[in-house]
Amino acid sequence: MKSTSIITVAATVFLFVNCKHEIVSKGGNSSGGNGNGNNPPVITITCSADTVYFGNIILPLITSGCAMSGCHDATTHREGLVLNSYAGIMNIVTTGNAAGSKLYQVINTTNPGDIMPPPPHQPFSASDKAAIQKWINQGAKNNQCNGGCDTTVFTYSAVVMPLMNTYCKGCHNPASLGGGVDLSTYAGVKAAAGSGRLLGSIKQATGYKPMPQGESKLADCQIRQIEKWIQAGTPNN
């Protein structure tokens, strides 16, 4: 489904504007990294199904769910934490030991005063927690991968929902309706897709608020998968 033929800039300015991130490069900055000043370079390799990659999965999850305005962004830095880079995130990670890492502890605690993201924001899903746990136990590497995307696969359950959960849901859920848009449910994603806003924003087209906000543009393959899902009629498949 293509976007409507006439979309004013004024209307699109209000799409996805209520959630702000301040993001540095995916390689982090010059300090941090286990709190000792070490910040290893990004390792980019071909994707493996057995590996969780920081740049592809972990950074978008933490950025969306934790490095929001008023939380752990560079401006607010609650508890002295800025969680928008590898270096910052590694300050609450014990390499190879998820159970001993503060990051993993706070996303799993049942204490409403300690859990991250805090209520009323939606908690990380079981699959998100599992990915963070696996990444830490695999050595919490500053890695990312190329490939592993197949444009012949474009179902909602296998592609669209995971992408929304990783890159978008932290800012676009009932507790944090950035731009009045909810991307935490099928109905919300379908509505955004039907209006043309979803595709316009992830393509970073003129007149649309570029998404993910403050981060790199989604890979062309990922954008094509979402586009093909929309063209297929946005099925809940």
C-alpha atoms as a PDB file:
ATOM      1  CA  MET A   1       0.000   0.000   0.000  1.00  0.00           C
ATOM      2  CA  LYS A   2       1.536   3.341  -0.956  1.00  0.00           C
ATOM      3  CA  SER A   3       1.276   6.513   1.112  1.00  0.00           C
ATOM      4  CA  THR A   4      -1.516   8.930   0.388  1.00  0.00           C
ATOM      5  CA  SER A   5      -0.758  11.369  -2.387  1.00  0.00           C
ATOM      6  CA  ILE A   6      -0.967  14.521  -0.284  1.00  0.00           C
ATOM      7  CA  ILE A   7       0.735  14.628   3.105  1.00  0.00           C
ATOM      8  CA  THR A   8       1.579  18.013   4.497  1.00  0.00           C
ATOM      9  CA  VAL A   9       4.771  18.678   6.321  1.00  0.00           C
ATOM     10  CA  ALA A  10       2.804  20.184   9.168  1.00  0.00           C
ATOM     11  CA  ALA A  11       0.938  16.963   9.733  1.00  0.00           C
ATOM     12  CA  THR A  12       3.980  14.760   9.628  1.00  0.00           C
ATOM     13  CA  VAL A  13       5.976  16.910  12.026  1.00  0.00           C
ATOM     14  CA  PHE A  14       3.754  15.552  14.770  1.00  0.00           C
ATOM     15  CA  LEU A  15       4.413  11.921  13.889  1.00  0.00           C
ATOM     16  CA  PHE A  16       6.705  10.209  16.371  1.00  0.00           C
ATOM     17  CA  VAL A  17       7.932  13.450  18.004  1.00  0.00           C
ATOM     18  CA  ASN A  18       7.205  12.844  21.663  1.00  0.00           C
ATOM     19  CA  CYS A  19      10.010  10.384  22.295  1.00  0.00           C
ATOM     20  CA  LYS A  20      13.533  11.714  22.017  1.00  0.00           C
ATOM     21  CA  HIS A  21      16.822   9.840  21.984  1.00  0.00           C
ATOM     22  CA  GLU A  22      20.335  11.197  21.932  1.00  0.00           C
ATOM     23  CA  ILE A  23      22.389   8.581  20.133  1.00  0.00           C
ATOM     24  CA  VAL A  24      26.097   8.355  19.498  1.00  0.00           C
ATOM     25  CA  SER A  25      27.597   5.999  16.962  1.00  0.00           C
ATOM     26  CA  LYS A  26      27.018   2.306  17.347  1.00  0.00           C
ATOM     27  CA  GLY A  27      30.642   1.905  18.271  1.00  0.00           C
ATOM     28  CA  GLY A  28      30.135   3.970  21.434  1.00  0.00           C
ATOM     29  CA  ASN A  29      32.342   6.829  22.534  1.00  0.00           C
ATOM     30  CA  SER A  30      35.849   7.222  23.879  1.00  0.00           C
ATOM     31  CA  SER A  31      35.063   6.340  27.482  1.00  0.00           C
ATOM     32  CA  GLY A  32      33.155   3.718  29.386  1.00  0.00           C
ATOM     33  CA  GLY A  33      33.035   0.036  28.567  1.00  0.00           C
ATOM     34  CA  ASN A  34      32.903  -1.893  31.850  1.00  0.00           C
ATOM     35  CA  GLY A  35      33.654   1.411  33.522  1.00  0.00           C
ATOM     36  CA  ASN A  36      37.390   1.150  32.822  1.00  0.00           C
ATOM     37  CA  GLY A  37      37.704   3.389  29.778  1.00  0.00           C
ATOM     38  CA  ASN A  38      37.977   0.548  27.279  1.00  0.00           C
ATOM     39  CA  ASN A  39      35.752   0.777  24.223  1.00  0.00           C
ATOM     40  CA  PRO A  40      36.650  -1.925  21.687  1.00  0.00           C
ATOM     41  CA  PRO A  41      35.957  -1.271  18.020  1.00  0.00           C
ATOM     42  CA  VAL A  42      32.823  -2.554  16.367  1.00  0.00           C
ATOM     43  CA  ILE A  43      33.298  -5.997  14.840  1.00  0.00           C
ATOM     44  CA  THR A  44      31.214  -6.412  11.690  1.00  0.00           C
ATOM     45  CA  ILE A  45      30.807  -9.910  10.285  1.00  0.00           C
ATOM     46  CA  THR A  46      28.312 -12.008   8.378  1.00  0.00           C
ATOM     47  CA  CYS A  47      25.239 -12.790  10.481  1.00  0.00           C
ATOM     48  CA  SER A  48      25.058 -16.101  12.304  1.00  0.00           C
ATOM     49  CA  ALA A  49      21.796 -17.479  13.662  1.00  0.00           C
ATOM     50  CA  ASP A  50      23.598 -18.596  16.814  1.00  0.00           C
ATOM     51  CA  THR A  51      24.852 -15.132  17.767  1.00  0.00           C
ATOM     52  CA  VAL A  52      23.130 -12.078  19.225  1.00  0.00           C
ATOM     53  CA  TYR A  53      24.673  -8.906  17.793  1.00  0.00           C
ATOM     54  CA  PHE A  54      24.950  -5.672  19.717  1.00  0.00           C
ATOM     55  CA  GLY A  55      24.471  -3.291  16.798  1.00  0.00           C
ATOM     56  CA  ASN A  56      21.587  -5.218  15.267  1.00  0.00           C
ATOM     57  CA  ILE A  57      19.581  -6.212  18.349  1.00  0.00           C
ATOM     58  CA  ILE A  58      20.868  -4.985  21.722  1.00  0.00           C
ATOM     59  CA  LEU A  59      21.518  -1.298  21.021  1.00  0.00           C
ATOM     60  CA  PRO A  60      18.104  -0.719  19.383  1.00  0.00           C
ATOM     61  CA  LEU A  61      16.365  -2.518  22.275  1.00  0.00           C
ATOM     62  CA  ILE A  62      18.121  -0.549  25.000  1.00  0.00           C
ATOM     63  CA  THR A  63      17.859   2.728  23.111  1.00  0.00           C
ATOM     64  CA  SER A  64      14.131   2.291  22.555  1.00  0.00           C
ATOM     65  CA  GLY A  65      13.350   0.988  26.030  1.00  0.00           C
ATOM     66  CA  CYS A  66      15.798   2.828  28.267  1.00  0.00           C
ATOM     67  CA  ALA A  67      17.567   5.789  26.632  1.00  0.00           C
ATOM     68  CA  MET A  68      14.415   7.866  26.425  1.00  0.00           C
ATOM     69  CA  SER A  69      14.076  11.518  27.345  1.00  0.00           C
ATOM     70  CA  GLY A  70      13.634  11.657  31.109  1.00  0.00           C
ATOM     71  CA  CYS A  71      15.410   8.345  31.625  1.00  0.00           C
ATOM     72  CA  HIS A  72      18.905   7.299  30.557  1.00  0.00           C
ATOM     73  CA  ASP A  73      19.582   9.693  27.708  1.00  0.00           C
ATOM     74  CA  ALA A  74      22.524  12.100  27.622  1.00  0.00           C
ATOM     75  CA  THR A  75      20.418  14.972  28.968  1.00  0.00           C
ATOM     76  CA  THR A  76      18.682  13.277  31.905  1.00  0.00           C
ATOM     77  CA  HIS A  77      21.172  10.466  32.670  1.00  0.00           C
ATOM     78  CA  ARG A  78      19.208   9.117  35.637  1.00  0.00           C
ATOM     79  CA  GLU A  79      21.417   7.395  38.195  1.00  0.00           C
ATOM     80  CA  GLY A  80      24.373   8.695  36.226  1.00  0.00           C
ATOM     81  CA  LEU A  81      23.689   6.283  33.368  1.00  0.00           C
ATOM     82  CA  VAL A  82      23.607   7.117  29.676  1.00  0.00           C
ATOM     83  CA  LEU A  83      22.502   3.994  27.831  1.00  0.00           C
ATOM     84  CA  ASN A  84      22.709   5.078  24.209  1.00  0.00           C
ATOM     85  CA  SER A  85      26.081   3.517  23.350  1.00  0.00           C
ATOM     86  CA  TYR A  86      28.122   0.385  23.850  1.00  0.00           C
ATOM     87  CA  ALA A  87      30.362   2.143  26.367  1.00  0.00           C
ATOM     88  CA  GLY A  88      27.432   3.351  28.436  1.00  0.00           C
ATOM     89  CA  ILE A  89      25.622   0.029  28.419  1.00  0.00           C
ATOM     90  CA  MET A  90      28.764  -1.829  29.427  1.00  0.00           C
ATOM     91  CA  ASN A  91      28.792   0.107  32.711  1.00  0.00           C
ATOM     92  CA  ILE A  92      25.957  -2.167  33.867  1.00  0.00           C
ATOM     93  CA  VAL A  93      27.136  -5.382  32.209  1.00  0.00           C
ATOM     94  CA  THR A  94      29.469  -8.042  33.554  1.00  0.00           C
ATOM     95  CA  THR A  95      30.969  -9.717  30.518  1.00  0.00           C
ATOM     96  CA  GLY A  96      29.975 -13.363  30.229  1.00  0.00           C
ATOM     97  CA  ASN A  97      27.737 -13.239  33.295  1.00  0.00           C
ATOM     98  CA  ALA A  98      24.154 -12.193  32.629  1.00  0.00           C
ATOM     99  CA  ALA A  99      22.933 -13.175  36.093  1.00  0.00           C
ATOM    100  CA  GLY A 100      25.575 -10.928  37.644  1.00  0.00           C
ATOM    101  CA  SER A 101      24.885  -7.979  35.354  1.00  0.00           C
ATOM    102  CA  LYS A 102      22.809  -5.071  36.612  1.00  0.00           C
ATOM    103  CA  LEU A 103      21.277  -4.683  33.152  1.00  0.00           C
ATOM    104  CA  TYR A 104      19.856  -8.189  33.193  1.00  0.00           C
ATOM    105  CA  GLN A 105      18.808  -7.907  36.840  1.00  0.00           C
ATOM    106  CA  VAL A 106      16.765  -4.717  36.376  1.00  0.00           C
ATOM    107  CA  ILE A 107      14.898  -5.970  33.317  1.00  0.00           C
ATOM    108  CA  ASN A 108      13.877  -9.111  35.232  1.00  0.00           C
ATOM    109  CA  THR A 109      13.125  -7.813  38.726  1.00  0.00           C
ATOM    110  CA  THR A 110       9.536  -7.775  39.960  1.00  0.00           C
ATOM    111  CA  ASN A 111      10.175  -4.724  42.134  1.00  0.00           C
ATOM    112  CA  PRO A 112       8.321  -1.822  40.453  1.00  0.00           C
ATOM    113  CA  GLY A 113      10.835   0.610  41.939  1.00  0.00           C
ATOM    114  CA  ASP A 114      13.790  -1.087  40.254  1.00  0.00           C
ATOM    115  CA  ILE A 115      12.464  -2.596  37.044  1.00  0.00           C
ATOM    116  CA  MET A 116      13.605  -1.145  33.743  1.00  0.00           C
ATOM    117  CA  PRO A 117      11.814   0.229  31.804  1.00  0.00           C
ATOM    118  CA  PRO A 118       9.825   1.586  34.763  1.00  0.00           C
ATOM    119  CA  PRO A 119       6.020   1.421  34.889  1.00  0.00           C
ATOM    120  CA  PRO A 120       3.840   2.417  33.138  1.00  0.00           C
ATOM    121  CA  HIS A 121       6.224   1.710  30.268  1.00  0.00           C
ATOM    122  CA  GLN A 122       5.958  -1.777  28.845  1.00  0.00           C
ATOM    123  CA  PRO A 123       8.556  -4.227  30.142  1.00  0.00           C
ATOM    124  CA  PHE A 124      10.870  -6.074  27.800  1.00  0.00           C
ATOM    125  CA  SER A 125       9.327  -9.203  26.320  1.00  0.00           C
ATOM    126  CA  ALA A 126      10.562 -12.683  27.163  1.00  0.00           C
ATOM    127  CA  SER A 127      12.346 -12.857  23.804  1.00  0.00           C
ATOM    128  CA  ASP A 128      13.999  -9.465  24.400  1.00  0.00           C
ATOM    129  CA  LYS A 129      15.261 -10.608  27.794  1.00  0.00           C
ATOM    130  CA  ALA A 130      16.530 -13.850  26.304  1.00  0.00           C
ATOM    131  CA  ALA A 131      18.431 -11.935  23.622  1.00  0.00           C
ATOM    132  CA  ILE A 132      20.066  -9.656  26.197  1.00  0.00           C
ATOM    133  CA  GLN A 133      20.954 -12.653  28.356  1.00  0.00           C
ATOM    134  CA  LYS A 134      22.484 -14.520  25.422  1.00  0.00           C
ATOM    135  CA  TRP A 135      24.445 -11.478  24.242  1.00  0.00           C
ATOM    136  CA  ILE A 136      25.979 -10.967  27.687  1.00  0.00           C
ATOM    137  CA  ASN A 137      26.797 -14.649  28.120  1.00  0.00           C
ATOM    138  CA  GLN A 138      28.370 -14.727  24.667  1.00  0.00           C
ATOM    139  CA  GLY A 139      30.849 -12.104  25.828  1.00  0.00           C
ATOM    140  CA  ALA A 140      28.887  -8.845  25.449  1.00  0.00           C
ATOM    141  CA  LYS A 141      30.808  -8.018  22.277  1.00  0.00           C
ATOM    142  CA  ASN A 142      30.558  -4.730  20.412  1.00  0.00           C
ATOM    143  CA  ASN A 143      29.548  -6.557  17.264  1.00  0.00           C
ATOM    144  CA  GLN A 144      27.116  -6.229  14.420  1.00  0.00           C
ATOM    145  CA  CYS A 145      26.477  -8.264  11.310  1.00  0.00           C
ATOM    146  CA  ASN A 146      25.629  -7.928   7.673  1.00  0.00           C
ATOM    147  CA  GLY A 147      23.199 -10.172   5.859  1.00  0.00           C
ATOM    148  CA  GLY A 148      20.664 -12.518   7.355  1.00  0.00           C
ATOM    149  CA  CYS A 149      17.753 -10.602   5.850  1.00  0.00           C
ATOM    150  CA  ASP A 150      15.510 -12.292   3.292  1.00  0.00           C
ATOM    151  CA  THR A 151      13.034 -10.145   1.369  1.00  0.00           C
ATOM    152  CA  THR A 152      11.002 -13.226   0.438  1.00  0.00           C
ATOM    153  CA  VAL A 153      10.007 -13.415   4.111  1.00  0.00           C
ATOM    154  CA  PHE A 154       7.712 -10.550   5.138  1.00  0.00           C
ATOM    155  CA  THR A 155       5.045 -11.838   7.507  1.00  0.00           C
ATOM    156  CA  TYR A 156       3.895  -9.784  10.450  1.00  0.00           C
ATOM    157  CA  SER A 157       4.920 -12.353  13.074  1.00  0.00           C
ATOM    158  CA  ALA A 158       8.346 -13.201  11.642  1.00  0.00           C
ATOM    159  CA  VAL A 159       9.468  -9.782  10.425  1.00  0.00           C
ATOM    160  CA  VAL A 160       7.275  -6.750  11.069  1.00  0.00           C
ATOM    161  CA  MET A 161       6.457  -7.343  14.740  1.00  0.00           C
ATOM    162  CA  PRO A 162      10.083  -8.113  15.731  1.00  0.00           C
ATOM    163  CA  LEU A 163      11.271  -4.964  13.958  1.00  0.00           C
ATOM    164  CA  MET A 164       8.609  -2.851  15.686  1.00  0.00           C
ATOM    165  CA  ASN A 165       9.490  -4.400  19.055  1.00  0.00           C
ATOM    166  CA  THR A 166      13.211  -3.779  18.585  1.00  0.00           C
ATOM    167  CA  TYR A 167      13.240  -0.320  17.051  1.00  0.00           C
ATOM    168  CA  CYS A 168       9.898   1.337  17.759  1.00  0.00           C
ATOM    169  CA  LYS A 169       7.808  -0.028  20.630  1.00  0.00           C
ATOM    170  CA  GLY A 170       9.791   1.704  23.377  1.00  0.00           C
ATOM    171  CA  CYS A 171       8.553   5.088  22.169  1.00  0.00           C
ATOM    172  CA  HIS A 172       5.248   4.029  20.678  1.00  0.00           C
ATOM    173  CA  ASN A 173       3.216   2.131  23.255  1.00  0.00           C
ATOM    174  CA  PRO A 174       0.185   3.005  25.403  1.00  0.00           C
ATOM    175  CA  ALA A 175       2.414   4.440  28.155  1.00  0.00           C
ATOM    176  CA  SER A 176       4.531   6.485  25.755  1.00  0.00           C
ATOM    177  CA  LEU A 177       2.541   7.419  22.664  1.00  0.00           C
ATOM    178  CA  GLY A 178       5.152   9.233  20.632  1.00  0.00           C
ATOM    179  CA  GLY A 179       3.199  11.313  18.136  1.00  0.00           C
ATOM    180  CA  GLY A 180       0.025   9.593  19.315  1.00  0.00           C
ATOM    181  CA  VAL A 181       1.110   6.391  17.554  1.00  0.00           C
ATOM    182  CA  ASP A 182       1.004   2.940  19.145  1.00  0.00           C
ATOM    183  CA  LEU A 183       3.284   0.401  17.461  1.00  0.00           C
ATOM    184  CA  SER A 184       3.076  -2.201  20.216  1.00  0.00           C
ATOM    185  CA  THR A 185       0.060  -3.987  18.720  1.00  0.00           C
ATOM    186  CA  TYR A 186      -0.951  -5.320  15.328  1.00  0.00           C
ATOM    187  CA  ALA A 187      -3.863  -2.877  15.175  1.00  0.00           C
ATOM    188  CA  GLY A 188      -1.576   0.073  15.811  1.00  0.00           C
ATOM    189  CA  VAL A 189       1.026  -1.013  13.276  1.00  0.00           C
ATOM    190  CA  LYS A 190      -1.688  -1.629  10.691  1.00  0.00           C
ATOM    191  CA  ALA A 191      -3.132   1.841  11.253  1.00  0.00           C
ATOM    192  CA  ALA A 192       0.278   3.489  10.853  1.00  0.00           C
ATOM    193  CA  ALA A 193       0.936   1.427   7.744  1.00  0.00           C
ATOM    194  CA  GLY A 194      -2.462   2.244   6.256  1.00  0.00           C
ATOM    195  CA  SER A 195      -1.939   5.967   6.673  1.00  0.00           C
ATOM    196  CA  GLY A 196       1.408   5.818   4.873  1.00  0.00           C
ATOM    197  CA  ARG A 197       3.204   7.171   7.914  1.00  0.00           C
ATOM    198  CA  LEU A 198       5.037   3.986   8.839  1.00  0.00           C
ATOM    199  CA  LEU A 199       6.688   3.480   5.467  1.00  0.00           C
ATOM    200  CA  GLY A 200       7.305   7.187   4.934  1.00  0.00           C
ATOM    201  CA  SER A 201       9.078   7.482   8.270  1.00  0.00           C
ATOM    202  CA  ILE A 202      11.271   4.377   8.002  1.00  0.00           C
ATOM    203  CA  LYS A 203      12.200   5.372   4.444  1.00  0.00           C
ATOM    204  CA  GLN A 204      12.993   8.802   5.895  1.00  0.00           C
ATOM    205  CA  ALA A 205      11.109  10.363   3.012  1.00  0.00           C
ATOM    206  CA  THR A 206      10.705  14.119   2.675  1.00  0.00           C
ATOM    207  CA  GLY A 207       7.893  15.389   4.894  1.00  0.00           C
ATOM    208  CA  TYR A 208       8.115  12.534   7.392  1.00  0.00           C
ATOM    209  CA  LYS A 209       9.845  12.346  10.742  1.00  0.00           C
ATOM    210  CA  PRO A 210      12.839  10.016  10.185  1.00  0.00           C
ATOM    211  CA  MET A 211      12.594   6.779  12.138  1.00  0.00           C
ATOM    212  CA  PRO A 212      14.123   5.187  14.146  1.00  0.00           C
ATOM    213  CA  GLN A 213      14.673   8.579  15.736  1.00  0.00           C
ATOM    214  CA  GLY A 214      18.317   9.364  16.392  1.00  0.00           C
ATOM    215  CA  GLU A 215      19.514   6.049  15.020  1.00  0.00           C
ATOM    216  CA  SER A 216      20.733   4.728  11.717  1.00  0.00           C
ATOM    217  CA  LYS A 217      18.136   4.096   9.045  1.00  0.00           C
ATOM    218  CA  LEU A 218      16.843   0.536   8.865  1.00  0.00           C
ATOM    219  CA  ALA A 219      18.613  -1.656   6.335  1.00  0.00           C
ATOM    220  CA  ASP A 220      17.200  -1.498   2.817  1.00  0.00           C
ATOM    221  CA  CYS A 221      16.269  -5.172   3.094  1.00  0.00           C
ATOM    222  CA  GLN A 222      14.277  -4.550   6.295  1.00  0.00           C
ATOM    223  CA  ILE A 223      12.470  -1.607   4.735  1.00  0.00           C
ATOM    224  CA  ARG A 224      11.638  -3.729   1.698  1.00  0.00           C
ATOM    225  CA  GLN A 225      10.235  -6.477   3.946  1.00  0.00           C
ATOM    226  CA  ILE A 226       7.901  -4.001   5.637  1.00  0.00           C
ATOM    227  CA  GLU A 227       6.961  -2.493   2.290  1.00  0.00           C
ATOM    228  CA  LYS A 228       6.079  -5.915   0.877  1.00  0.00           C
ATOM    229  CA  TRP A 229       3.975  -6.683   3.966  1.00  0.00           C
ATOM    230  CA  ILE A 230       2.070  -3.443   3.431  1.00  0.00           C
ATOM    231  CA  GLN A 231       1.632  -4.135  -0.276  1.00  0.00           C
ATOM    232  CA  ALA A 232       0.240  -7.566   0.631  1.00  0.00           C
ATOM    233  CA  GLY A 233      -2.552  -5.877   2.603  1.00  0.00           C
ATOM    234  CA  THR A 234      -0.955  -5.763   6.108  1.00  0.00           C
ATOM    235  CA  PRO A 235      -2.097  -9.296   7.051  1.00  0.00           C
ATOM    236  CA  ASN A 236      -1.890 -10.469  10.654  1.00  0.00           C
ATOM    237  CA  ASN A 237       0.119 -13.503   9.624  1.00  0.00           C
END
